[in-house]
Amino acid sequence: MNIGHYAKSLLYIALAVVGILITALADEVVSIDELVNIAIVGVGAITVYLVPNLPSGVGAYAKVIVTFIVAGLVALQSFLTGGITTTEWLQVAVAAFAGIGVYVIPNEPKKNYDLAA
């Protein structure tokens, strides 16, 4: 099993956990709005895992598209529920950084071919 194949998913899951910890520890109260954001990010993590790493075309950006849709949904949900709290801003920031991270990590690890062999 090549862990590099799952790098995007592992990064997103790690940042989803950070988002959950921020929610749980920021004010020691987890509101319904924050729980909805956690659910959105959780679905995003599952989706990033399920979307295949495609080498070219729009498929090469499918995981990134999913992560930015998730970040947008987290922000939208926060804005529509009576104002945005500091904790929700942190959730939005983590979701955005997850999207940036998924974009930065290449789809497949680079392979080294020994041409002399």
PDB file of N, CA and C in Angstrom:
ATOM      1  N   MET A   1       0.849  -1.176   0.000  1.00  0.00           N
ATOM      2  CA  MET A   1       0.000   0.000   0.000  1.00  0.00           C
ATOM      3  C   MET A   1       0.894   1.239   0.000  1.00  0.00           C
ATOM      4  N   ASN A   2       0.621   2.152  -0.883  1.00  0.00           N
ATOM      5  CA  ASN A   2       1.387   3.379  -1.005  1.00  0.00           C
ATOM      6  C   ASN A   2       0.649   4.499  -0.284  1.00  0.00           C
ATOM      7  N   ILE A   3       1.210   4.983   0.826  1.00  0.00           N
ATOM      8  CA  ILE A   3       0.546   6.023   1.616  1.00  0.00           C
ATOM      9  C   ILE A   3       0.458   7.338   0.850  1.00  0.00           C
ATOM     10  N   GLY A   4       1.380   7.572  -0.101  1.00  0.00           N
ATOM     11  CA  GLY A   4       1.343   8.777  -0.910  1.00  0.00           C
ATOM     12  C   GLY A   4       0.069   8.886  -1.740  1.00  0.00           C
ATOM     13  N   HIS A   5      -0.506   7.737  -2.073  1.00  0.00           N
ATOM     14  CA  HIS A   5      -1.753   7.721  -2.840  1.00  0.00           C
ATOM     15  C   HIS A   5      -2.906   8.323  -2.024  1.00  0.00           C
ATOM     16  N   TYR A   6      -2.779   8.267  -0.701  1.00  0.00           N
ATOM     17  CA  TYR A   6      -3.841   8.766   0.179  1.00  0.00           C
ATOM     18  C   TYR A   6      -3.478  10.080   0.858  1.00  0.00           C
ATOM     19  N   ALA A   7      -2.427  10.754   0.385  1.00  0.00           N
ATOM     20  CA  ALA A   7      -1.932  11.967   1.044  1.00  0.00           C
ATOM     21  C   ALA A   7      -2.994  13.059   1.141  1.00  0.00           C
ATOM     22  N   LYS A   8      -3.736  13.288   0.069  1.00  0.00           N
ATOM     23  CA  LYS A   8      -4.772  14.329   0.087  1.00  0.00           C
ATOM     24  C   LYS A   8      -5.848  14.000   1.117  1.00  0.00           C
ATOM     25  N   SER A   9      -6.272  12.759   1.133  1.00  0.00           N
ATOM     26  CA  SER A   9      -7.311  12.351   2.078  1.00  0.00           C
ATOM     27  C   SER A   9      -6.815  12.434   3.516  1.00  0.00           C
ATOM     28  N   LEU A  10      -5.592  11.996   3.758  1.00  0.00           N
ATOM     29  CA  LEU A  10      -5.044  12.036   5.110  1.00  0.00           C
ATOM     30  C   LEU A  10      -4.903  13.471   5.609  1.00  0.00           C
ATOM     31  N   LEU A  11      -4.450  14.367   4.739  1.00  0.00           N
ATOM     32  CA  LEU A  11      -4.349  15.768   5.121  1.00  0.00           C
ATOM     33  C   LEU A  11      -5.726  16.327   5.464  1.00  0.00           C
ATOM     34  N   TYR A  12      -6.703  16.055   4.624  1.00  0.00           N
ATOM     35  CA  TYR A  12      -8.033  16.601   4.859  1.00  0.00           C
ATOM     36  C   TYR A  12      -8.629  16.045   6.146  1.00  0.00           C
ATOM     37  N   ILE A  13      -8.451  14.762   6.383  1.00  0.00           N
ATOM     38  CA  ILE A  13      -8.971  14.146   7.616  1.00  0.00           C
ATOM     39  C   ILE A  13      -8.280  14.760   8.830  1.00  0.00           C
ATOM     40  N   ALA A  14      -6.970  14.956   8.758  1.00  0.00           N
ATOM     41  CA  ALA A  14      -6.242  15.565   9.875  1.00  0.00           C
ATOM     42  C   ALA A  14      -6.767  16.969  10.166  1.00  0.00           C
ATOM     43  N   LEU A  15      -6.996  17.755   9.120  1.00  0.00           N
ATOM     44  CA  LEU A  15      -7.507  19.103   9.331  1.00  0.00           C
ATOM     45  C   LEU A  15      -8.970  19.092   9.771  1.00  0.00           C
ATOM     46  N   ALA A  16      -9.722  18.088   9.377  1.00  0.00           N
ATOM     47  CA  ALA A  16     -11.096  17.948   9.884  1.00  0.00           C
ATOM     48  C   ALA A  16     -11.063  17.702  11.389  1.00  0.00           C
ATOM     49  N   VAL A  17     -10.134  16.869  11.838  1.00  0.00           N
ATOM     50  CA  VAL A  17      -9.981  16.619  13.276  1.00  0.00           C
ATOM     51  C   VAL A  17      -9.590  17.910  14.000  1.00  0.00           C
ATOM     52  N   VAL A  18      -8.691  18.703  13.395  1.00  0.00           N
ATOM     53  CA  VAL A  18      -8.320  19.993  13.987  1.00  0.00           C
ATOM     54  C   VAL A  18      -9.559  20.882  14.107  1.00  0.00           C
ATOM     55  N   GLY A  19     -10.377  20.908  13.079  1.00  0.00           N
ATOM     56  CA  GLY A  19     -11.610  21.695  13.126  1.00  0.00           C
ATOM     57  C   GLY A  19     -12.539  21.248  14.242  1.00  0.00           C
ATOM     58  N   ILE A  20     -12.635  19.948  14.438  1.00  0.00           N
ATOM     59  CA  ILE A  20     -13.481  19.415  15.520  1.00  0.00           C
ATOM     60  C   ILE A  20     -12.894  19.805  16.874  1.00  0.00           C
ATOM     61  N   LEU A  21     -11.583  19.696  17.020  1.00  0.00           N
ATOM     62  CA  LEU A  21     -10.943  20.081  18.282  1.00  0.00           C
ATOM     63  C   LEU A  21     -11.119  21.567  18.569  1.00  0.00           C
ATOM     64  N   ILE A  22     -11.005  22.393  17.530  1.00  0.00           N
ATOM     65  CA  ILE A  22     -11.229  23.834  17.708  1.00  0.00           C
ATOM     66  C   ILE A  22     -12.634  24.070  18.225  1.00  0.00           C
ATOM     67  N   THR A  23     -13.592  23.395  17.632  1.00  0.00           N
ATOM     68  CA  THR A  23     -14.987  23.553  18.042  1.00  0.00           C
ATOM     69  C   THR A  23     -15.189  23.113  19.480  1.00  0.00           C
ATOM     70  N   ALA A  24     -14.607  21.991  19.831  1.00  0.00           N
ATOM     71  CA  ALA A  24     -14.812  21.435  21.173  1.00  0.00           C
ATOM     72  C   ALA A  24     -14.090  22.237  22.252  1.00  0.00           C
ATOM     73  N   LEU A  25     -12.935  22.802  21.925  1.00  0.00           N
ATOM     74  CA  LEU A  25     -12.114  23.435  22.952  1.00  0.00           C
ATOM     75  C   LEU A  25     -12.210  24.957  22.991  1.00  0.00           C
ATOM     76  N   ALA A  26     -12.698  25.585  21.941  1.00  0.00           N
ATOM     77  CA  ALA A  26     -12.676  27.051  21.856  1.00  0.00           C
ATOM     78  C   ALA A  26     -13.480  27.704  22.969  1.00  0.00           C
ATOM     79  N   ASP A  27     -14.700  27.282  23.167  1.00  0.00           N
ATOM     80  CA  ASP A  27     -15.530  27.895  24.204  1.00  0.00           C
ATOM     81  C   ASP A  27     -16.181  26.853  25.103  1.00  0.00           C
ATOM     82  N   GLU A  28     -15.739  25.629  24.984  1.00  0.00           N
ATOM     83  CA  GLU A  28     -16.220  24.497  25.781  1.00  0.00           C
ATOM     84  C   GLU A  28     -17.711  24.242  25.619  1.00  0.00           C
ATOM     85  N   VAL A  29     -18.311  24.822  24.589  1.00  0.00           N
ATOM     86  CA  VAL A  29     -19.712  24.579  24.259  1.00  0.00           C
ATOM     87  C   VAL A  29     -19.777  24.306  22.774  1.00  0.00           C
ATOM     88  N   VAL A  30     -20.439  23.219  22.399  1.00  0.00           N
ATOM     89  CA  VAL A  30     -20.613  22.905  20.991  1.00  0.00           C
ATOM     90  C   VAL A  30     -22.078  23.162  20.647  1.00  0.00           C
ATOM     91  N   SER A  31     -22.298  24.226  19.867  1.00  0.00           N
ATOM     92  CA  SER A  31     -23.665  24.596  19.500  1.00  0.00           C
ATOM     93  C   SER A  31     -24.142  23.742  18.327  1.00  0.00           C
ATOM     94  N   ILE A  32     -25.424  23.820  18.051  1.00  0.00           N
ATOM     95  CA  ILE A  32     -26.002  23.110  16.911  1.00  0.00           C
ATOM     96  C   ILE A  32     -25.348  23.582  15.613  1.00  0.00           C
ATOM     97  N   ASP A  33     -25.124  24.873  15.489  1.00  0.00           N
ATOM     98  CA  ASP A  33     -24.480  25.417  14.286  1.00  0.00           C
ATOM     99  C   ASP A  33     -23.092  24.824  14.101  1.00  0.00           C
ATOM    100  N   GLU A  34     -22.340  24.723  15.179  1.00  0.00           N
ATOM    101  CA  GLU A  34     -21.003  24.140  15.103  1.00  0.00           C
ATOM    102  C   GLU A  34     -21.060  22.650  14.771  1.00  0.00           C
ATOM    103  N   LEU A  35     -22.062  21.962  15.293  1.00  0.00           N
ATOM    104  CA  LEU A  35     -22.236  20.541  14.958  1.00  0.00           C
ATOM    105  C   LEU A  35     -22.551  20.363  13.480  1.00  0.00           C
ATOM    106  N   VAL A  36     -23.346  21.251  12.928  1.00  0.00           N
ATOM    107  CA  VAL A  36     -23.649  21.181  11.498  1.00  0.00           C
ATOM    108  C   VAL A  36     -22.368  21.374  10.693  1.00  0.00           C
ATOM    109  N   ASN A  37     -21.523  22.324  11.108  1.00  0.00           N
ATOM    110  CA  ASN A  37     -20.246  22.519  10.419  1.00  0.00           C
ATOM    111  C   ASN A  37     -19.365  21.285  10.529  1.00  0.00           C
ATOM    112  N   ILE A  38     -19.349  20.653  11.685  1.00  0.00           N
ATOM    113  CA  ILE A  38     -18.575  19.419  11.853  1.00  0.00           C
ATOM    114  C   ILE A  38     -19.095  18.347  10.898  1.00  0.00           C
ATOM    115  N   ALA A  39     -20.403  18.240  10.770  1.00  0.00           N
ATOM    116  CA  ALA A  39     -20.999  17.251   9.858  1.00  0.00           C
ATOM    117  C   ALA A  39     -20.619  17.562   8.406  1.00  0.00           C
ATOM    118  N   ILE A  40     -20.663  18.830   8.031  1.00  0.00           N
ATOM    119  CA  ILE A  40     -20.294  19.217   6.663  1.00  0.00           C
ATOM    120  C   ILE A  40     -18.845  18.836   6.393  1.00  0.00           C
ATOM    121  N   VAL A  41     -17.945  19.149   7.319  1.00  0.00           N
ATOM    122  CA  VAL A  41     -16.533  18.823   7.143  1.00  0.00           C
ATOM    123  C   VAL A  41     -16.326  17.301   7.132  1.00  0.00           C
ATOM    124  N   GLY A  42     -17.085  16.575   7.951  1.00  0.00           N
ATOM    125  CA  GLY A  42     -16.995  15.111   7.953  1.00  0.00           C
ATOM    126  C   GLY A  42     -17.402  14.515   6.617  1.00  0.00           C
ATOM    127  N   VAL A  43     -18.496  15.007   6.052  1.00  0.00           N
ATOM    128  CA  VAL A  43     -18.914  14.552   4.721  1.00  0.00           C
ATOM    129  C   VAL A  43     -17.852  14.928   3.691  1.00  0.00           C
ATOM    130  N   GLY A  44     -17.249  16.097   3.853  1.00  0.00           N
ATOM    131  CA  GLY A  44     -16.170  16.507   2.956  1.00  0.00           C
ATOM    132  C   GLY A  44     -14.990  15.556   3.023  1.00  0.00           C
ATOM    133  N   ALA A  45     -14.626  15.126   4.227  1.00  0.00           N
ATOM    134  CA  ALA A  45     -13.499  14.200   4.387  1.00  0.00           C
ATOM    135  C   ALA A  45     -13.797  12.864   3.708  1.00  0.00           C
ATOM    136  N   ILE A  46     -15.002  12.379   3.868  1.00  0.00           N
ATOM    137  CA  ILE A  46     -15.392  11.118   3.220  1.00  0.00           C
ATOM    138  C   ILE A  46     -15.364  11.282   1.705  1.00  0.00           C
ATOM    139  N   THR A  47     -15.868  12.409   1.219  1.00  0.00           N
ATOM    140  CA  THR A  47     -15.907  12.658  -0.224  1.00  0.00           C
ATOM    141  C   THR A  47     -14.509  12.777  -0.805  1.00  0.00           C
ATOM    142  N   VAL A  48     -13.613  13.483  -0.110  1.00  0.00           N
ATOM    143  CA  VAL A  48     -12.241  13.609  -0.602  1.00  0.00           C
ATOM    144  C   VAL A  48     -11.596  12.226  -0.682  1.00  0.00           C
ATOM    145  N   TYR A  49     -11.892  11.365   0.268  1.00  0.00           N
ATOM    146  CA  TYR A  49     -11.360  10.002   0.229  1.00  0.00           C
ATOM    147  C   TYR A  49     -11.917   9.226  -0.968  1.00  0.00           C
ATOM    148  N   LEU A  50     -13.205   9.393  -1.239  1.00  0.00           N
ATOM    149  CA  LEU A  50     -13.865   8.603  -2.287  1.00  0.00           C
ATOM    150  C   LEU A  50     -13.580   9.092  -3.705  1.00  0.00           C
ATOM    151  N   VAL A  51     -13.316  10.377  -3.875  1.00  0.00           N
ATOM    152  CA  VAL A  51     -13.037  10.915  -5.212  1.00  0.00           C
ATOM    153  C   VAL A  51     -11.667  10.397  -5.655  1.00  0.00           C
ATOM    154  N   PRO A  52     -11.588   9.802  -6.835  1.00  0.00           N
ATOM    155  CA  PRO A  52     -10.304   9.232  -7.271  1.00  0.00           C
ATOM    156  C   PRO A  52      -9.287  10.308  -7.654  1.00  0.00           C
ATOM    157  N   ASN A  53      -8.021   9.940  -7.554  1.00  0.00           N
ATOM    158  CA  ASN A  53      -6.931  10.794  -8.034  1.00  0.00           C
ATOM    159  C   ASN A  53      -6.807  10.584  -9.535  1.00  0.00           C
ATOM    160  N   LEU A  54      -7.286  11.516 -10.307  1.00  0.00           N
ATOM    161  CA  LEU A  54      -7.200  11.400 -11.759  1.00  0.00           C
ATOM    162  C   LEU A  54      -6.040  12.242 -12.267  1.00  0.00           C
ATOM    163  N   PRO A  55      -5.357  11.782 -13.314  1.00  0.00           N
ATOM    164  CA  PRO A  55      -4.126  12.446 -13.740  1.00  0.00           C
ATOM    165  C   PRO A  55      -4.301  13.743 -14.522  1.00  0.00           C
ATOM    166  N   SER A  56      -5.425  13.942 -15.176  1.00  0.00           N
ATOM    167  CA  SER A  56      -5.539  15.135 -16.019  1.00  0.00           C
ATOM    168  C   SER A  56      -6.985  15.586 -16.128  1.00  0.00           C
ATOM    169  N   GLY A  57      -7.157  16.724 -16.782  1.00  0.00           N
ATOM    170  CA  GLY A  57      -8.490  17.269 -16.995  1.00  0.00           C
ATOM    171  C   GLY A  57      -9.091  17.780 -15.698  1.00  0.00           C
ATOM    172  N   VAL A  58     -10.396  17.938 -15.714  1.00  0.00           N
ATOM    173  CA  VAL A  58     -11.087  18.438 -14.529  1.00  0.00           C
ATOM    174  C   VAL A  58     -10.974  17.438 -13.378  1.00  0.00           C
ATOM    175  N   GLY A  59     -10.794  16.171 -13.696  1.00  0.00           N
ATOM    176  CA  GLY A  59     -10.648  15.147 -12.668  1.00  0.00           C
ATOM    177  C   GLY A  59      -9.419  15.340 -11.804  1.00  0.00           C
ATOM    178  N   ALA A  60      -8.399  15.981 -12.355  1.00  0.00           N
ATOM    179  CA  ALA A  60      -7.189  16.246 -11.573  1.00  0.00           C
ATOM    180  C   ALA A  60      -7.465  17.243 -10.452  1.00  0.00           C
ATOM    181  N   TYR A  61      -8.539  18.000 -10.583  1.00  0.00           N
ATOM    182  CA  TYR A  61      -8.899  19.003  -9.583  1.00  0.00           C
ATOM    183  C   TYR A  61     -10.173  18.645  -8.825  1.00  0.00           C
ATOM    184  N   ALA A  62     -10.679  17.431  -8.995  1.00  0.00           N
ATOM    185  CA  ALA A  62     -11.948  17.034  -8.376  1.00  0.00           C
ATOM    186  C   ALA A  62     -11.897  17.129  -6.856  1.00  0.00           C
ATOM    187  N   LYS A  63     -10.818  16.646  -6.247  1.00  0.00           N
ATOM    188  CA  LYS A  63     -10.711  16.713  -4.791  1.00  0.00           C
ATOM    189  C   LYS A  63     -10.651  18.163  -4.313  1.00  0.00           C
ATOM    190  N   VAL A  64      -9.946  19.007  -5.040  1.00  0.00           N
ATOM    191  CA  VAL A  64      -9.846  20.421  -4.672  1.00  0.00           C
ATOM    192  C   VAL A  64     -11.216  21.087  -4.782  1.00  0.00           C
ATOM    193  N   ILE A  65     -11.928  20.780  -5.842  1.00  0.00           N
ATOM    194  CA  ILE A  65     -13.271  21.337  -6.023  1.00  0.00           C
ATOM    195  C   ILE A  65     -14.159  20.949  -4.848  1.00  0.00           C
ATOM    196  N   VAL A  66     -14.103  19.677  -4.437  1.00  0.00           N
ATOM    197  CA  VAL A  66     -14.897  19.209  -3.293  1.00  0.00           C
ATOM    198  C   VAL A  66     -14.523  19.985  -2.037  1.00  0.00           C
ATOM    199  N   THR A  67     -13.222  20.169  -1.789  1.00  0.00           N
ATOM    200  CA  THR A  67     -12.812  20.842  -0.553  1.00  0.00           C
ATOM    201  C   THR A  67     -13.247  22.298  -0.523  1.00  0.00           C
ATOM    202  N   PHE A  68     -13.216  22.977  -1.666  1.00  0.00           N
ATOM    203  CA  PHE A  68     -13.654  24.367  -1.667  1.00  0.00           C
ATOM    204  C   PHE A  68     -15.179  24.484  -1.586  1.00  0.00           C
ATOM    205  N   ILE A  69     -15.891  23.512  -2.114  1.00  0.00           N
ATOM    206  CA  ILE A  69     -17.346  23.491  -1.914  1.00  0.00           C
ATOM    207  C   ILE A  69     -17.655  23.308  -0.438  1.00  0.00           C
ATOM    208  N   VAL A  70     -16.934  22.404   0.219  1.00  0.00           N
ATOM    209  CA  VAL A  70     -17.130  22.184   1.656  1.00  0.00           C
ATOM    210  C   VAL A  70     -16.814  23.460   2.437  1.00  0.00           C
ATOM    211  N   ALA A  71     -15.696  24.119   2.128  1.00  0.00           N
ATOM    212  CA  ALA A  71     -15.346  25.364   2.818  1.00  0.00           C
ATOM    213  C   ALA A  71     -16.436  26.414   2.612  1.00  0.00           C
ATOM    214  N   GLY A  72     -16.952  26.495   1.393  1.00  0.00           N
ATOM    215  CA  GLY A  72     -18.038  27.428   1.112  1.00  0.00           C
ATOM    216  C   GLY A  72     -19.301  27.106   1.893  1.00  0.00           C
ATOM    217  N   LEU A  73     -19.625  25.820   2.006  1.00  0.00           N
ATOM    218  CA  LEU A  73     -20.804  25.420   2.779  1.00  0.00           C
ATOM    219  C   LEU A  73     -20.639  25.719   4.262  1.00  0.00           C
ATOM    220  N   VAL A  74     -19.434  25.496   4.787  1.00  0.00           N
ATOM    221  CA  VAL A  74     -19.174  25.821   6.189  1.00  0.00           C
ATOM    222  C   VAL A  74     -19.364  27.324   6.410  1.00  0.00           C
ATOM    223  N   ALA A  75     -18.814  28.131   5.520  1.00  0.00           N
ATOM    224  CA  ALA A  75     -18.958  29.583   5.644  1.00  0.00           C
ATOM    225  C   ALA A  75     -20.421  30.002   5.499  1.00  0.00           C
ATOM    226  N   LEU A  76     -21.100  29.466   4.501  1.00  0.00           N
ATOM    227  CA  LEU A  76     -22.507  29.813   4.274  1.00  0.00           C
ATOM    228  C   LEU A  76     -23.371  29.449   5.471  1.00  0.00           C
ATOM    229  N   GLN A  77     -23.179  28.253   5.997  1.00  0.00           N
ATOM    230  CA  GLN A  77     -23.966  27.827   7.156  1.00  0.00           C
ATOM    231  C   GLN A  77     -23.702  28.753   8.337  1.00  0.00           C
ATOM    232  N   SER A  78     -22.461  29.149   8.516  1.00  0.00           N
ATOM    233  CA  SER A  78     -22.117  30.035   9.630  1.00  0.00           C
ATOM    234  C   SER A  78     -22.748  31.411   9.452  1.00  0.00           C
ATOM    235  N   PHE A  79     -22.727  31.944   8.253  1.00  0.00           N
ATOM    236  CA  PHE A  79     -23.282  33.272   7.998  1.00  0.00           C
ATOM    237  C   PHE A  79     -24.803  33.298   8.113  1.00  0.00           C
ATOM    238  N   LEU A  80     -25.448  32.190   7.766  1.00  0.00           N
ATOM    239  CA  LEU A  80     -26.916  32.169   7.743  1.00  0.00           C
ATOM    240  C   LEU A  80     -27.555  31.884   9.098  1.00  0.00           C
ATOM    241  N   THR A  81     -26.773  31.603  10.099  1.00  0.00           N
ATOM    242  CA  THR A  81     -27.351  31.198  11.381  1.00  0.00           C
ATOM    243  C   THR A  81     -27.128  32.244  12.459  1.00  0.00           C
ATOM    244  N   GLY A  82     -27.514  33.459  12.181  1.00  0.00           N
ATOM    245  CA  GLY A  82     -27.510  34.492  13.205  1.00  0.00           C
ATOM    246  C   GLY A  82     -26.157  35.084  13.535  1.00  0.00           C
ATOM    247  N   GLY A  83     -25.300  35.186  12.576  1.00  0.00           N
ATOM    248  CA  GLY A  83     -23.989  35.773  12.831  1.00  0.00           C
ATOM    249  C   GLY A  83     -22.936  34.699  13.006  1.00  0.00           C
ATOM    250  N   ILE A  84     -21.701  35.101  12.817  1.00  0.00           N
ATOM    251  CA  ILE A  84     -20.616  34.134  12.849  1.00  0.00           C
ATOM    252  C   ILE A  84     -19.760  34.375  14.094  1.00  0.00           C
ATOM    253  N   THR A  85     -19.524  33.315  14.835  1.00  0.00           N
ATOM    254  CA  THR A  85     -18.737  33.398  16.055  1.00  0.00           C
ATOM    255  C   THR A  85     -17.256  33.203  15.739  1.00  0.00           C
ATOM    256  N   THR A  86     -16.433  33.450  16.719  1.00  0.00           N
ATOM    257  CA  THR A  86     -14.992  33.234  16.547  1.00  0.00           C
ATOM    258  C   THR A  86     -14.709  31.771  16.223  1.00  0.00           C
ATOM    259  N   THR A  87     -15.392  30.876  16.892  1.00  0.00           N
ATOM    260  CA  THR A  87     -15.202  29.448  16.633  1.00  0.00           C
ATOM    261  C   THR A  87     -15.569  29.107  15.195  1.00  0.00           C
ATOM    262  N   GLU A  88     -16.662  29.675  14.705  1.00  0.00           N
ATOM    263  CA  GLU A  88     -17.066  29.417  13.324  1.00  0.00           C
ATOM    264  C   GLU A  88     -16.059  30.003  12.339  1.00  0.00           C
ATOM    265  N   TRP A  89     -15.482  31.174  12.654  1.00  0.00           N
ATOM    266  CA  TRP A  89     -14.439  31.727  11.793  1.00  0.00           C
ATOM    267  C   TRP A  89     -13.252  30.773  11.731  1.00  0.00           C
ATOM    268  N   LEU A  90     -12.902  30.196  12.873  1.00  0.00           N
ATOM    269  CA  LEU A  90     -11.805  29.226  12.900  1.00  0.00           C
ATOM    270  C   LEU A  90     -12.138  27.993  12.069  1.00  0.00           C
ATOM    271  N   GLN A  91     -13.400  27.539  12.145  1.00  0.00           N
ATOM    272  CA  GLN A  91     -13.824  26.398  11.320  1.00  0.00           C
ATOM    273  C   GLN A  91     -13.708  26.735   9.831  1.00  0.00           C
ATOM    274  N   VAL A  92     -14.138  27.915   9.460  1.00  0.00           N
ATOM    275  CA  VAL A  92     -14.048  28.348   8.058  1.00  0.00           C
ATOM    276  C   VAL A  92     -12.587  28.389   7.624  1.00  0.00           C
ATOM    277  N   ALA A  93     -11.715  28.934   8.471  1.00  0.00           N
ATOM    278  CA  ALA A  93     -10.293  29.022   8.140  1.00  0.00           C
ATOM    279  C   ALA A  93      -9.675  27.635   7.963  1.00  0.00           C
ATOM    280  N   VAL A  94      -9.995  26.713   8.867  1.00  0.00           N
ATOM    281  CA  VAL A  94      -9.453  25.352   8.753  1.00  0.00           C
ATOM    282  C   VAL A  94      -9.967  24.688   7.479  1.00  0.00           C
ATOM    283  N   ALA A  95     -11.243  24.875   7.160  1.00  0.00           N
ATOM    284  CA  ALA A  95     -11.798  24.292   5.931  1.00  0.00           C
ATOM    285  C   ALA A  95     -11.108  24.882   4.696  1.00  0.00           C
ATOM    286  N   ALA A  96     -10.832  26.174   4.717  1.00  0.00           N
ATOM    287  CA  ALA A  96     -10.133  26.806   3.584  1.00  0.00           C
ATOM    288  C   ALA A  96      -8.701  26.295   3.472  1.00  0.00           C
ATOM    289  N   PHE A  97      -8.002  26.192   4.601  1.00  0.00           N
ATOM    290  CA  PHE A  97      -6.629  25.667   4.572  1.00  0.00           C
ATOM    291  C   PHE A  97      -6.604  24.216   4.118  1.00  0.00           C
ATOM    292  N   ALA A  98      -7.630  23.455   4.455  1.00  0.00           N
ATOM    293  CA  ALA A  98      -7.711  22.068   3.974  1.00  0.00           C
ATOM    294  C   ALA A  98      -7.800  22.055   2.455  1.00  0.00           C
ATOM    295  N   GLY A  99      -8.609  22.943   1.898  1.00  0.00           N
ATOM    296  CA  GLY A  99      -8.712  23.037   0.447  1.00  0.00           C
ATOM    297  C   GLY A  99      -7.401  23.424  -0.201  1.00  0.00           C
ATOM    298  N   ILE A 100      -6.707  24.372   0.398  1.00  0.00           N
ATOM    299  CA  ILE A 100      -5.401  24.785  -0.135  1.00  0.00           C
ATOM    300  C   ILE A 100      -4.407  23.629  -0.041  1.00  0.00           C
ATOM    301  N   GLY A 101      -4.420  22.930   1.081  1.00  0.00           N
ATOM    302  CA  GLY A 101      -3.518  21.790   1.250  1.00  0.00           C
ATOM    303  C   GLY A 101      -3.773  20.692   0.250  1.00  0.00           C
ATOM    304  N   VAL A 102      -5.036  20.397  -0.005  1.00  0.00           N
ATOM    305  CA  VAL A 102      -5.382  19.367  -0.987  1.00  0.00           C
ATOM    306  C   VAL A 102      -4.935  19.800  -2.379  1.00  0.00           C
ATOM    307  N   TYR A 103      -4.997  21.094  -2.665  1.00  0.00           N
ATOM    308  CA  TYR A 103      -4.529  21.597  -3.951  1.00  0.00           C
ATOM    309  C   TYR A 103      -3.010  21.455  -4.086  1.00  0.00           C
ATOM    310  N   VAL A 104      -2.281  21.747  -3.022  1.00  0.00           N
ATOM    311  CA  VAL A 104      -0.819  21.761  -3.057  1.00  0.00           C
ATOM    312  C   VAL A 104      -0.234  20.359  -3.172  1.00  0.00           C
ATOM    313  N   ILE A 105      -0.838  19.392  -2.520  1.00  0.00           N
ATOM    314  CA  ILE A 105      -0.312  18.021  -2.552  1.00  0.00           C
ATOM    315  C   ILE A 105      -0.589  17.422  -3.927  1.00  0.00           C
ATOM    316  N   PRO A 106       0.437  16.858  -4.571  1.00  0.00           N
ATOM    317  CA  PRO A 106       0.220  16.273  -5.905  1.00  0.00           C
ATOM    318  C   PRO A 106      -0.692  15.042  -5.837  1.00  0.00           C
ATOM    319  N   ASN A 107      -1.355  14.746  -6.963  1.00  0.00           N
ATOM    320  CA  ASN A 107      -2.271  13.612  -7.013  1.00  0.00           C
ATOM    321  C   ASN A 107      -1.580  12.280  -6.781  1.00  0.00           C
ATOM    322  N   GLU A 108      -0.451  12.109  -7.345  1.00  0.00           N
ATOM    323  CA  GLU A 108       0.277  10.843  -7.225  1.00  0.00           C
ATOM    324  C   GLU A 108       1.716  11.150  -6.856  1.00  0.00           C
ATOM    325  N   PRO A 109       2.315  10.294  -6.067  1.00  0.00           N
ATOM    326  CA  PRO A 109       3.735  10.518  -5.791  1.00  0.00           C
ATOM    327  C   PRO A 109       4.556  10.357  -7.064  1.00  0.00           C
ATOM    328  N   LYS A 110       5.607  11.150  -7.179  1.00  0.00           N
ATOM    329  CA  LYS A 110       6.465  11.053  -8.358  1.00  0.00           C
ATOM    330  C   LYS A 110       7.236   9.745  -8.310  1.00  0.00           C
ATOM    331  N   LYS A 111       7.341   9.112  -9.443  1.00  0.00           N
ATOM    332  CA  LYS A 111       8.047   7.839  -9.536  1.00  0.00           C
ATOM    333  C   LYS A 111       9.444   8.078 -10.095  1.00  0.00           C
ATOM    334  N   ASN A 112      10.409   7.420  -9.492  1.00  0.00           N
ATOM    335  CA  ASN A 112      11.781   7.509  -9.983  1.00  0.00           C
ATOM    336  C   ASN A 112      12.049   6.280 -10.831  1.00  0.00           C
ATOM    337  N   TYR A 113      12.349   6.516 -12.072  1.00  0.00           N
ATOM    338  CA  TYR A 113      12.658   5.413 -12.975  1.00  0.00           C
ATOM    339  C   TYR A 113      14.160   5.367 -13.204  1.00  0.00           C
ATOM    340  N   ASP A 114      14.727   4.213 -13.039  1.00  0.00           N
ATOM    341  CA  ASP A 114      16.156   4.035 -13.287  1.00  0.00           C
ATOM    342  C   ASP A 114      16.329   3.678 -14.739  1.00  0.00           C
ATOM    343  N   LEU A 115      16.763   4.640 -15.539  1.00  0.00           N
ATOM    344  CA  LEU A 115      16.902   4.407 -16.972  1.00  0.00           C
ATOM    345  C   LEU A 115      18.123   3.552 -17.305  1.00  0.00           C
ATOM    346  N   ALA A 116      19.045   3.438 -16.367  1.00  0.00           N
ATOM    347  CA  ALA A 116      20.262   2.666 -16.611  1.00  0.00           C
ATOM    348  C   ALA A 116      19.999   1.168 -16.495  1.00  0.00           C
ATOM    349  N   ALA A 117      18.922   0.792 -15.870  1.00  0.00           N
ATOM    350  CA  ALA A 117      18.677  -0.636 -15.639  1.00  0.00           C
ATOM    351  C   ALA A 117      18.220  -1.347 -16.884  1.00  0.00           C
TER     352      ALA A 117
END
